[in-house]
Amino acid sequence: MKKTISVIFIIVICTVLFFFYSLPLRGQKDASEEEQRTLQHVPSFSVQDFASGTYQDKAENAISDQLLFSAEIKYGVKQMQNALTNATARLVQQIKQKNQAEEQNAEKQETETVVQPHYTYTEVVAGKVYKLDDSGYLVQKPLPPDQFDYTIYDAEMLKRVTFPKYLYFINTSVSVDFNDMHKYDPFDYVKKQFPSFTGYAELTFNSFEEYKRYFYQTDHHWNYNGSYLGYTQIMRMMEGSQVILLKPLSIYIYDVIYNGSLSRDNLLTNSNEKFTVFTFAVPRYETFINDKKMTYGSRQRYVSAEECPDKTYSNHYGLYYGDDRAKIVYKFNNPDAESILILATSFSNAINELIASHYNETHVVDYRYYPRQYGAQIDVQTYMEQHHLSKLLIIGDLPSLGFQKKN
C-alpha cells in the first residue's frame, strides 16, 4: 500500500515539474484568452528582488500562469465555483420563497381560523354555581355524561313499553364546557342509556353566544327562544316535518328583572335581564292538576308590563308557566287526535300547552312528585293502557335524566 502511494506521489511531482520545465520548449504565454488578462512571466533572478520578496511573489504567480494547462485548469475551477455559487443562490432563493409561502399561509390560517374564546369559571356556590367571566351569566358546573347514573326512569320498565317512545335531550351548561364545545358528546351517551326509542332529538348550541340566545341569564331553564325551539323540534320528531306549528303572535317584555333559580336560591342579585315571553293563539282547553280541575300557572297576575309580580326573588318562570306538580292533564277538543304521555321536570312547563294543542289529551308526569302523590312510581305501560295514550315523550337535561354520582 505504501509503495503504491509513493509511486503516485512521484508521478504527480514529475508531472508538475514537466509542466513547468517544459516552458523553454513551448515558450511563455503573454495573455490568457479565457481570463481576458495578461500573464506573469517567469521573473529574472536578482538578489534585491529576492531580498524584498518580490521575486518569490512573481515566481509564484508565474508558476500559476505559465504552468501547462493552467488556464484550462483555472477556467474549469472557475466554472465549478460559478456553478456552486449559482446552485447555492438557487437554494437560498427556494428556501426564502418557501419561508415566505409558509408565513403567508400561516397569516391566512390565522385570519380564517375562528379562535374559541377562553372563559373563566368562577365558583360562587360550592360545587354547583359558577359565574362565567364578567358576562353576568350564572351557569352550572360542566360535567361529563358518565358522571350521572341513569336510573331515574326504570330501564326495565321502559323496555316493556310497547308504544312509540321519543326522547328529547336539552343541552345546558351542565353538559357543555364553553372552553371546549366538543369535549363531551352527551347526546350520543344519553341515547345509549335509553336504547330502542322510536325517535331522538336535541337542543344544542355551538358557542356561548348561541347559548345566551336560548337560556336565562341566571336560571338553568330555557327562555322563550329556547323553549319555542324545543317545541318545534319535538313536534317534528313526533309528527314529521309537515306538522303545522303554532306561531308566536308577539314578544312581550315585562318591566321586571328576572333573578332565576341560580341567583334566587343563593340570594345573588346580579341579573339585569327582563322577563320576556312569546304570546300564542292557543285554542281553549281544560287542565287537571293531580286529577282536580284547576288553572295551571298564574298568568293572570301578569296583567301588563308594569302590573306583574315584581319582588326581587319572584320565580317568574314558575309563576307564568306553572310550577311543578305530580300530574297535569291537558284536554283539548281534538277528538280525532291521539293522546300522549310526557315524562318531564320543569323544563316542559313552558311548552306543555303548545305540545298539548296537537293532541286530544296530554298527561304530563313529574317523577319527583308522582310517588308522593300516588303512592308508587309510575308504570308507563300500564298507565298508558288505562288512559288510552298512544305515544310516550321524555324531556330532560342531564340532571333530570340521571342522578349525579357522588365523588
Protein backbone atom coordinates (compact mmCIF):
# COMPACT_ATOMS: atom_id res chain seq x y z
CA MET A 1 0.00 0.00 0.00
CA LYS A 2 2.80 2.42 0.98
CA LYS A 3 4.67 1.57 -2.24
CA THR A 4 1.63 2.45 -4.33
CA ILE A 5 1.16 5.83 -2.58
CA SER A 6 4.86 6.64 -3.13
CA VAL A 7 4.62 5.86 -6.84
CA ILE A 8 1.54 8.09 -7.21
CA PHE A 9 3.29 10.95 -5.35
CA ILE A 10 6.39 10.70 -7.60
CA ILE A 11 4.18 10.75 -10.71
CA VAL A 12 2.36 13.90 -9.52
CA ILE A 13 5.66 15.69 -8.73
CA CYS A 14 7.13 14.74 -12.08
CA THR A 15 4.02 15.92 -13.89
CA VAL A 16 4.14 19.33 -12.18
CA LEU A 17 7.85 19.66 -12.92
CA PHE A 18 7.30 18.63 -16.54
CA PHE A 19 4.55 21.21 -16.91
CA PHE A 20 6.81 23.91 -15.53
CA TYR A 21 10.13 22.99 -17.10
CA SER A 22 8.60 22.47 -20.49
CA LEU A 23 8.35 26.27 -20.68
CA PRO A 24 11.63 26.68 -22.69
CA LEU A 25 10.29 24.22 -25.25
CA ARG A 26 6.79 25.69 -25.67
CA GLY A 27 7.53 29.28 -24.67
CA GLN A 28 5.68 31.56 -22.24
CA LYS A 29 2.21 32.91 -22.91
CA ASP A 30 1.61 36.65 -22.74
CA ALA A 31 -2.16 36.67 -22.20
CA SER A 32 -5.00 34.38 -21.29
CA GLU A 33 -7.96 34.49 -23.68
CA GLU A 34 -10.11 32.57 -21.21
CA GLU A 35 -9.42 35.05 -18.35
CA GLN A 36 -9.02 38.15 -20.56
CA ARG A 37 -5.81 39.31 -18.77
CA THR A 38 -2.05 39.43 -19.13
CA LEU A 39 0.01 36.64 -17.60
CA GLN A 40 3.06 36.79 -15.32
CA HIS A 41 6.27 35.63 -16.99
CA VAL A 42 8.96 33.72 -15.08
CA PRO A 43 10.96 36.52 -13.44
CA SER A 44 14.69 37.01 -13.81
CA PHE A 45 16.55 36.34 -10.59
CA SER A 46 18.05 39.26 -8.66
CA VAL A 47 19.32 39.46 -5.08
CA GLN A 48 17.41 42.68 -4.47
CA ASP A 49 14.07 41.20 -5.61
CA PHE A 50 14.72 38.04 -3.68
CA ALA A 51 15.53 40.01 -0.51
CA SER A 52 12.35 42.08 -0.78
CA GLY A 53 10.19 39.05 -1.58
CA THR A 54 9.13 40.40 -4.93
CA TYR A 55 10.86 37.61 -6.78
CA GLN A 56 9.03 34.97 -4.76
CA ASP A 57 5.62 36.58 -5.48
CA LYS A 58 6.34 36.89 -9.20
CA ALA A 59 7.65 33.32 -9.37
CA GLU A 60 4.53 32.02 -7.57
CA ASN A 61 2.26 33.91 -10.00
CA ALA A 62 4.34 32.76 -12.94
CA ILE A 63 4.03 29.11 -11.93
CA SER A 64 0.26 29.62 -11.70
CA ASP A 65 0.05 31.48 -15.01
CA GLN A 66 2.59 29.65 -17.15
CA LEU A 67 2.09 26.07 -15.93
CA LEU A 68 0.98 23.86 -18.80
CA PHE A 69 -2.85 23.78 -18.99
CA SER A 70 -3.01 26.25 -16.08
CA ALA A 71 -5.53 28.44 -17.89
CA GLU A 72 -7.71 25.48 -18.65
CA ILE A 73 -7.46 24.24 -15.09
CA LYS A 74 -8.27 27.66 -13.63
CA TYR A 75 -11.12 28.04 -16.12
CA GLY A 76 -12.53 24.69 -15.06
CA VAL A 77 -12.16 25.57 -11.38
CA LYS A 78 -13.83 28.92 -12.02
CA GLN A 79 -16.68 27.23 -13.82
CA MET A 80 -17.10 24.89 -10.88
CA GLN A 81 -17.09 27.85 -8.48
CA ASN A 82 -19.69 29.63 -10.58
CA ALA A 83 -21.84 26.51 -10.76
CA LEU A 84 -21.58 26.06 -6.99
CA THR A 85 -22.38 29.74 -6.39
CA ASN A 86 -25.40 29.60 -8.70
CA ALA A 87 -26.64 26.40 -7.09
CA THR A 88 -26.25 27.96 -3.63
CA ALA A 89 -28.11 31.09 -4.77
CA ARG A 90 -30.96 28.99 -6.19
CA LEU A 91 -31.18 27.01 -2.96
CA VAL A 92 -31.24 30.19 -0.87
CA GLN A 93 -33.97 31.61 -3.12
CA GLN A 94 -36.01 28.43 -2.84
CA ILE A 95 -35.71 28.45 0.95
CA LYS A 96 -36.67 32.13 1.02
CA GLN A 97 -39.72 31.51 -1.22
CA LYS A 98 -40.74 28.52 0.92
CA ASN A 99 -40.47 30.57 4.11
CA GLN A 100 -42.49 33.40 2.56
CA ALA A 101 -45.16 30.92 1.42
CA GLU A 102 -45.32 29.37 4.91
CA GLU A 103 -45.60 32.81 6.51
CA GLN A 104 -48.37 33.82 4.11
CA ASN A 105 -50.19 30.53 4.71
CA ALA A 106 -49.87 30.98 8.49
CA GLU A 107 -51.21 34.54 8.22
CA LYS A 108 -54.10 33.27 6.08
CA GLN A 109 -54.92 30.49 8.53
CA GLU A 110 -54.73 32.94 11.41
CA THR A 111 -57.22 35.26 9.74
CA GLU A 112 -59.51 32.42 8.66
CA THR A 113 -59.45 30.44 11.90
CA VAL A 114 -62.11 31.39 14.44
CA VAL A 115 -60.36 31.38 17.79
CA GLN A 116 -62.51 29.94 20.54
CA PRO A 117 -62.56 32.50 23.37
CA HIS A 118 -61.38 31.39 26.77
CA TYR A 119 -63.91 31.62 29.60
CA THR A 120 -63.19 31.70 33.29
CA TYR A 121 -65.49 29.71 35.57
CA THR A 122 -65.54 31.44 38.95
CA GLU A 123 -67.18 29.35 41.65
CA VAL A 124 -69.80 31.34 43.60
CA VAL A 125 -71.68 28.46 45.23
CA ALA A 126 -69.55 25.50 46.28
CA GLY A 127 -69.51 22.82 43.62
CA LYS A 128 -72.67 23.95 41.86
CA VAL A 129 -72.96 27.50 40.55
CA TYR A 130 -70.31 29.36 38.57
CA LYS A 131 -70.04 32.89 37.25
CA LEU A 132 -68.87 32.90 33.64
CA ASP A 133 -66.38 35.74 33.17
CA ASP A 134 -67.99 39.18 33.53
CA SER A 135 -70.91 38.26 31.26
CA GLY A 136 -73.44 38.40 34.10
CA TYR A 137 -74.37 34.76 33.42
CA LEU A 138 -74.55 32.19 36.18
CA VAL A 139 -74.07 28.64 34.93
CA GLN A 140 -73.77 25.15 36.33
CA LYS A 141 -70.54 23.22 36.53
CA PRO A 142 -69.91 21.29 33.28
CA LEU A 143 -69.76 17.53 33.85
CA PRO A 144 -69.12 14.56 31.58
CA PRO A 145 -72.26 12.49 30.90
CA ASP A 146 -70.79 9.41 32.59
CA GLN A 147 -70.94 11.28 35.90
CA PHE A 148 -74.68 10.56 36.02
CA ASP A 149 -76.48 7.35 36.94
CA TYR A 150 -79.44 6.99 34.56
CA THR A 151 -81.82 5.18 36.93
CA ILE A 152 -84.42 7.92 37.39
CA TYR A 153 -86.60 6.07 34.93
CA ASP A 154 -86.51 2.31 35.47
CA ALA A 155 -84.81 0.92 32.35
CA GLU A 156 -86.66 -2.40 32.58
CA MET A 157 -89.97 -0.56 32.95
CA LEU A 158 -89.24 1.50 29.81
CA LYS A 159 -88.27 -1.63 27.87
CA ARG A 160 -91.74 -3.06 28.50
CA VAL A 161 -93.41 -0.06 26.83
CA THR A 162 -94.87 -1.21 23.51
CA PHE A 163 -95.97 2.25 22.35
CA PRO A 164 -93.79 4.61 20.27
CA LYS A 165 -91.19 6.23 22.54
CA TYR A 166 -89.44 9.57 21.93
CA LEU A 167 -86.58 11.25 23.79
CA TYR A 168 -85.82 14.98 23.62
CA PHE A 169 -82.48 15.94 25.18
CA ILE A 170 -81.69 19.51 26.27
CA ASN A 171 -78.05 20.55 26.35
CA THR A 172 -77.47 23.03 29.18
CA SER A 173 -74.37 24.47 30.85
CA VAL A 174 -74.07 21.14 32.70
CA SER A 175 -73.32 19.19 29.53
CA VAL A 176 -71.14 21.73 27.67
CA ASP A 177 -67.76 23.23 28.59
CA PHE A 178 -67.67 26.61 26.83
CA ASN A 179 -63.88 26.42 26.53
CA ASP A 180 -64.16 23.18 24.55
CA MET A 181 -67.60 22.84 22.94
CA HIS A 182 -66.88 19.29 21.73
CA LYS A 183 -65.24 18.00 24.88
CA TYR A 184 -68.22 15.73 25.60
CA ASP A 185 -70.84 14.04 23.44
CA PRO A 186 -73.75 13.90 25.92
CA PHE A 187 -76.48 13.32 23.34
CA ASP A 188 -74.82 10.18 21.99
CA TYR A 189 -74.15 8.95 25.53
CA VAL A 190 -77.74 9.58 26.65
CA LYS A 191 -79.18 7.77 23.64
CA LYS A 192 -77.23 4.67 24.66
CA GLN A 193 -78.82 4.86 28.12
CA PHE A 194 -82.28 4.98 26.52
CA PRO A 195 -81.96 2.43 23.70
CA SER A 196 -84.53 1.37 21.12
CA PHE A 197 -86.58 4.58 21.17
CA THR A 198 -88.62 5.50 18.11
CA GLY A 199 -87.05 8.94 17.78
CA TYR A 200 -84.40 11.19 19.32
CA ALA A 201 -83.79 14.94 19.07
CA GLU A 202 -81.81 17.54 20.99
CA LEU A 203 -81.46 21.23 21.64
CA THR A 204 -77.84 22.17 21.16
CA PHE A 205 -75.65 25.23 20.58
CA ASN A 206 -72.19 25.86 19.15
CA SER A 207 -71.00 28.81 21.21
CA PHE A 208 -71.62 30.77 24.38
CA GLU A 209 -73.28 33.50 22.28
CA GLU A 210 -75.77 30.95 20.97
CA TYR A 211 -76.31 29.59 24.48
CA LYS A 212 -77.28 33.09 25.64
CA ARG A 213 -80.00 33.16 23.00
CA TYR A 214 -81.70 30.07 24.42
CA PHE A 215 -81.23 30.28 28.21
CA TYR A 216 -81.89 32.73 31.02
CA GLN A 217 -79.04 34.75 32.45
CA THR A 218 -79.34 33.35 35.98
CA ASP A 219 -81.55 30.28 35.58
CA HIS A 220 -80.97 26.71 34.40
CA HIS A 221 -84.21 26.76 32.39
CA TRP A 222 -84.53 27.65 28.73
CA ASN A 223 -86.03 31.06 27.93
CA TYR A 224 -88.77 31.92 25.43
CA ASN A 225 -86.44 31.36 22.44
CA GLY A 226 -85.07 28.07 23.72
CA SER A 227 -88.42 26.63 24.77
CA TYR A 228 -90.06 27.54 21.46
CA LEU A 229 -87.21 25.92 19.54
CA GLY A 230 -87.67 22.84 21.72
CA TYR A 231 -91.39 22.74 20.93
CA THR A 232 -90.76 22.87 17.16
CA GLN A 233 -88.10 20.16 17.29
CA ILE A 234 -90.24 17.89 19.46
CA MET A 235 -93.28 18.14 17.20
CA ARG A 236 -91.24 17.47 14.06
CA MET A 237 -89.63 14.49 15.76
CA MET A 238 -93.00 13.04 16.77
CA GLU A 239 -95.25 14.09 13.87
CA GLY A 240 -92.91 14.74 10.94
CA SER A 241 -91.71 17.80 9.07
CA GLN A 242 -95.18 18.64 7.72
CA VAL A 243 -96.72 19.25 11.14
CA ILE A 244 -98.48 22.63 11.42
CA LEU A 245 -96.87 24.52 14.29
CA LEU A 246 -98.18 27.33 16.44
CA LYS A 247 -96.51 30.62 15.55
CA PRO A 248 -95.68 33.35 18.08
CA LEU A 249 -98.03 36.34 17.86
CA SER A 250 -95.71 38.73 19.68
CA ILE A 251 -92.85 39.13 22.13
CA TYR A 252 -93.86 40.58 25.47
CA ILE A 253 -91.26 42.11 27.80
CA TYR A 254 -92.29 42.65 31.40
CA ASP A 255 -90.71 45.55 33.27
CA VAL A 256 -89.20 43.35 35.95
CA ILE A 257 -85.72 41.89 36.42
CA TYR A 258 -85.73 38.11 36.49
CA ASN A 259 -83.39 36.58 39.04
CA GLY A 260 -83.51 32.90 38.13
CA SER A 261 -83.08 29.86 40.32
CA LEU A 262 -79.27 30.00 40.27
CA SER A 263 -79.33 33.50 41.74
CA ARG A 264 -82.66 33.23 43.61
CA ASP A 265 -81.73 30.13 45.59
CA ASN A 266 -78.43 31.71 46.65
CA LEU A 267 -79.57 35.33 47.13
CA LEU A 268 -77.38 36.61 44.28
CA THR A 269 -78.85 39.73 42.65
CA ASN A 270 -76.58 40.04 39.63
CA SER A 271 -79.18 39.75 36.85
CA ASN A 272 -80.12 42.61 34.53
CA GLU A 273 -82.44 40.55 32.36
CA LYS A 274 -86.11 41.41 31.99
CA PHE A 275 -88.65 38.57 31.97
CA THR A 276 -89.72 38.01 28.37
CA VAL A 277 -92.26 35.65 26.76
CA PHE A 278 -93.85 34.79 23.43
CA THR A 279 -97.62 35.04 23.14
CA PHE A 280 -99.66 32.46 21.14
CA ALA A 281 -103.20 31.94 19.95
CA VAL A 282 -103.70 28.61 21.76
CA PRO A 283 -107.20 27.02 21.40
CA ARG A 284 -109.30 26.72 24.55
CA TYR A 285 -108.55 23.76 26.81
CA GLU A 286 -109.03 22.44 30.35
CA THR A 287 -106.34 21.48 32.84
CA PHE A 288 -106.49 18.98 35.69
CA ILE A 289 -103.82 19.11 38.40
CA ASN A 290 -103.49 15.86 40.34
CA ASP A 291 -106.93 14.87 38.99
CA LYS A 292 -108.62 18.11 40.07
CA LYS A 293 -109.83 20.63 37.50
CA MET A 294 -107.71 23.74 38.11
CA THR A 295 -106.00 26.56 36.26
CA TYR A 296 -102.33 25.85 35.81
CA GLY A 297 -99.94 28.76 36.32
CA SER A 298 -100.50 32.36 37.40
CA ARG A 299 -100.52 34.23 34.12
CA GLN A 300 -103.49 36.27 35.29
CA ARG A 301 -101.07 38.09 37.58
CA TYR A 302 -99.17 39.35 34.53
CA VAL A 303 -101.71 41.99 33.60
CA SER A 304 -99.35 44.36 31.78
CA ALA A 305 -95.70 45.25 31.52
CA GLU A 306 -95.97 47.28 34.74
CA GLU A 307 -98.60 45.18 36.53
CA CYS A 308 -96.88 41.91 37.34
CA PRO A 309 -95.14 40.25 40.30
CA ASP A 310 -92.14 42.45 40.88
CA LYS A 311 -90.46 41.07 44.00
CA THR A 312 -86.71 40.76 43.60
CA TYR A 313 -86.81 36.99 44.00
CA SER A 314 -90.09 36.18 42.26
CA ASN A 315 -89.96 32.89 40.35
CA HIS A 316 -91.32 34.29 37.09
CA TYR A 317 -90.73 31.06 35.17
CA GLY A 318 -92.82 29.09 37.68
CA LEU A 319 -95.45 31.80 38.16
CA TYR A 320 -96.05 32.40 34.48
CA TYR A 321 -95.79 28.89 33.04
CA GLY A 322 -96.85 26.94 36.14
CA ASP A 323 -94.91 25.28 38.95
CA ASP A 324 -94.02 21.62 39.41
CA ARG A 325 -96.83 19.12 40.08
CA ALA A 326 -97.08 15.32 40.13
CA LYS A 327 -99.52 15.18 37.22
CA ILE A 328 -101.10 17.70 34.89
CA VAL A 329 -103.65 16.71 32.24
CA TYR A 330 -104.49 18.94 29.28
CA LYS A 331 -107.76 18.30 27.48
CA PHE A 332 -108.25 19.92 24.09
CA ASN A 333 -111.30 19.43 21.91
CA ASN A 334 -109.42 17.31 19.36
CA PRO A 335 -111.47 14.06 19.25
CA ASP A 336 -109.73 12.82 16.10
CA ALA A 337 -106.24 13.34 17.51
CA GLU A 338 -104.12 10.94 19.58
CA SER A 339 -103.45 11.27 23.30
CA ILE A 340 -99.92 11.16 24.73
CA LEU A 341 -97.86 10.87 27.94
CA ILE A 342 -94.97 13.22 28.76
CA LEU A 343 -92.41 12.37 31.44
CA ALA A 344 -90.54 15.55 32.36
CA THR A 345 -89.45 18.01 35.03
CA SER A 346 -90.00 21.77 34.98
CA PHE A 347 -88.40 22.10 31.51
CA SER A 348 -91.69 21.03 29.95
CA ASN A 349 -93.76 23.65 31.86
CA ALA A 350 -93.07 26.32 29.24
CA ILE A 351 -94.21 24.13 26.32
CA ASN A 352 -96.85 21.82 27.80
CA GLU A 353 -99.80 23.67 26.29
CA LEU A 354 -98.05 24.13 22.93
CA ILE A 355 -97.43 20.39 22.58
CA ALA A 356 -100.84 19.50 24.04
CA SER A 357 -102.60 21.66 21.43
CA HIS A 358 -101.75 18.98 18.83
CA TYR A 359 -103.46 16.17 20.74
CA ASN A 360 -106.75 15.29 22.39
CA GLU A 361 -105.36 14.60 25.87
CA THR A 362 -101.83 15.16 27.13
CA HIS A 363 -100.73 13.76 30.50
CA VAL A 364 -97.59 15.32 31.99
CA VAL A 365 -95.98 13.39 34.86
CA ASP A 366 -93.07 14.57 37.04
CA TYR A 367 -91.29 11.53 38.52
CA ARG A 368 -90.11 13.59 41.52
CA TYR A 369 -93.63 14.21 42.85
CA TYR A 370 -95.66 11.32 41.44
CA PRO A 371 -94.78 8.70 44.12
CA ARG A 372 -95.57 11.15 46.92
CA GLN A 373 -98.96 11.96 45.40
CA TYR A 374 -99.98 8.48 44.19
CA GLY A 375 -98.04 6.15 46.49
CA ALA A 376 -95.82 4.47 43.85
CA GLN A 377 -93.70 5.32 40.85
CA ILE A 378 -95.48 5.24 37.51
CA ASP A 379 -95.53 2.08 35.38
CA VAL A 380 -95.70 3.61 31.92
CA GLN A 381 -97.16 0.67 30.00
CA THR A 382 -99.99 0.19 32.49
CA TYR A 383 -100.68 3.91 32.78
CA MET A 384 -100.85 4.39 29.01
CA GLU A 385 -103.18 1.43 28.58
CA GLN A 386 -105.51 2.67 31.32
CA HIS A 387 -105.76 6.20 29.89
CA HIS A 388 -105.74 5.22 26.20
CA LEU A 389 -102.49 7.02 25.42
CA SER A 390 -100.58 6.12 22.28
CA LYS A 391 -97.17 7.89 22.45
CA LEU A 392 -94.55 8.48 25.14
CA LEU A 393 -92.29 11.55 25.23
CA ILE A 394 -89.42 12.03 27.69
CA ILE A 395 -87.90 15.53 28.01
CA GLY A 396 -84.81 16.38 30.05
CA ASP A 397 -81.23 17.54 30.50
CA LEU A 398 -78.51 15.52 32.25
CA PRO A 399 -79.64 16.24 35.85
CA SER A 400 -83.28 15.42 35.04
CA LEU A 401 -82.45 12.18 33.25
CA GLY A 402 -79.94 10.81 35.76
CA PHE A 403 -78.72 11.15 39.34
CA GLN A 404 -75.33 12.78 39.70
CA LYS A 405 -72.83 10.31 41.09
CA LYS A 406 -71.16 11.12 44.38
CA ASN A 407 -67.40 11.53 44.22
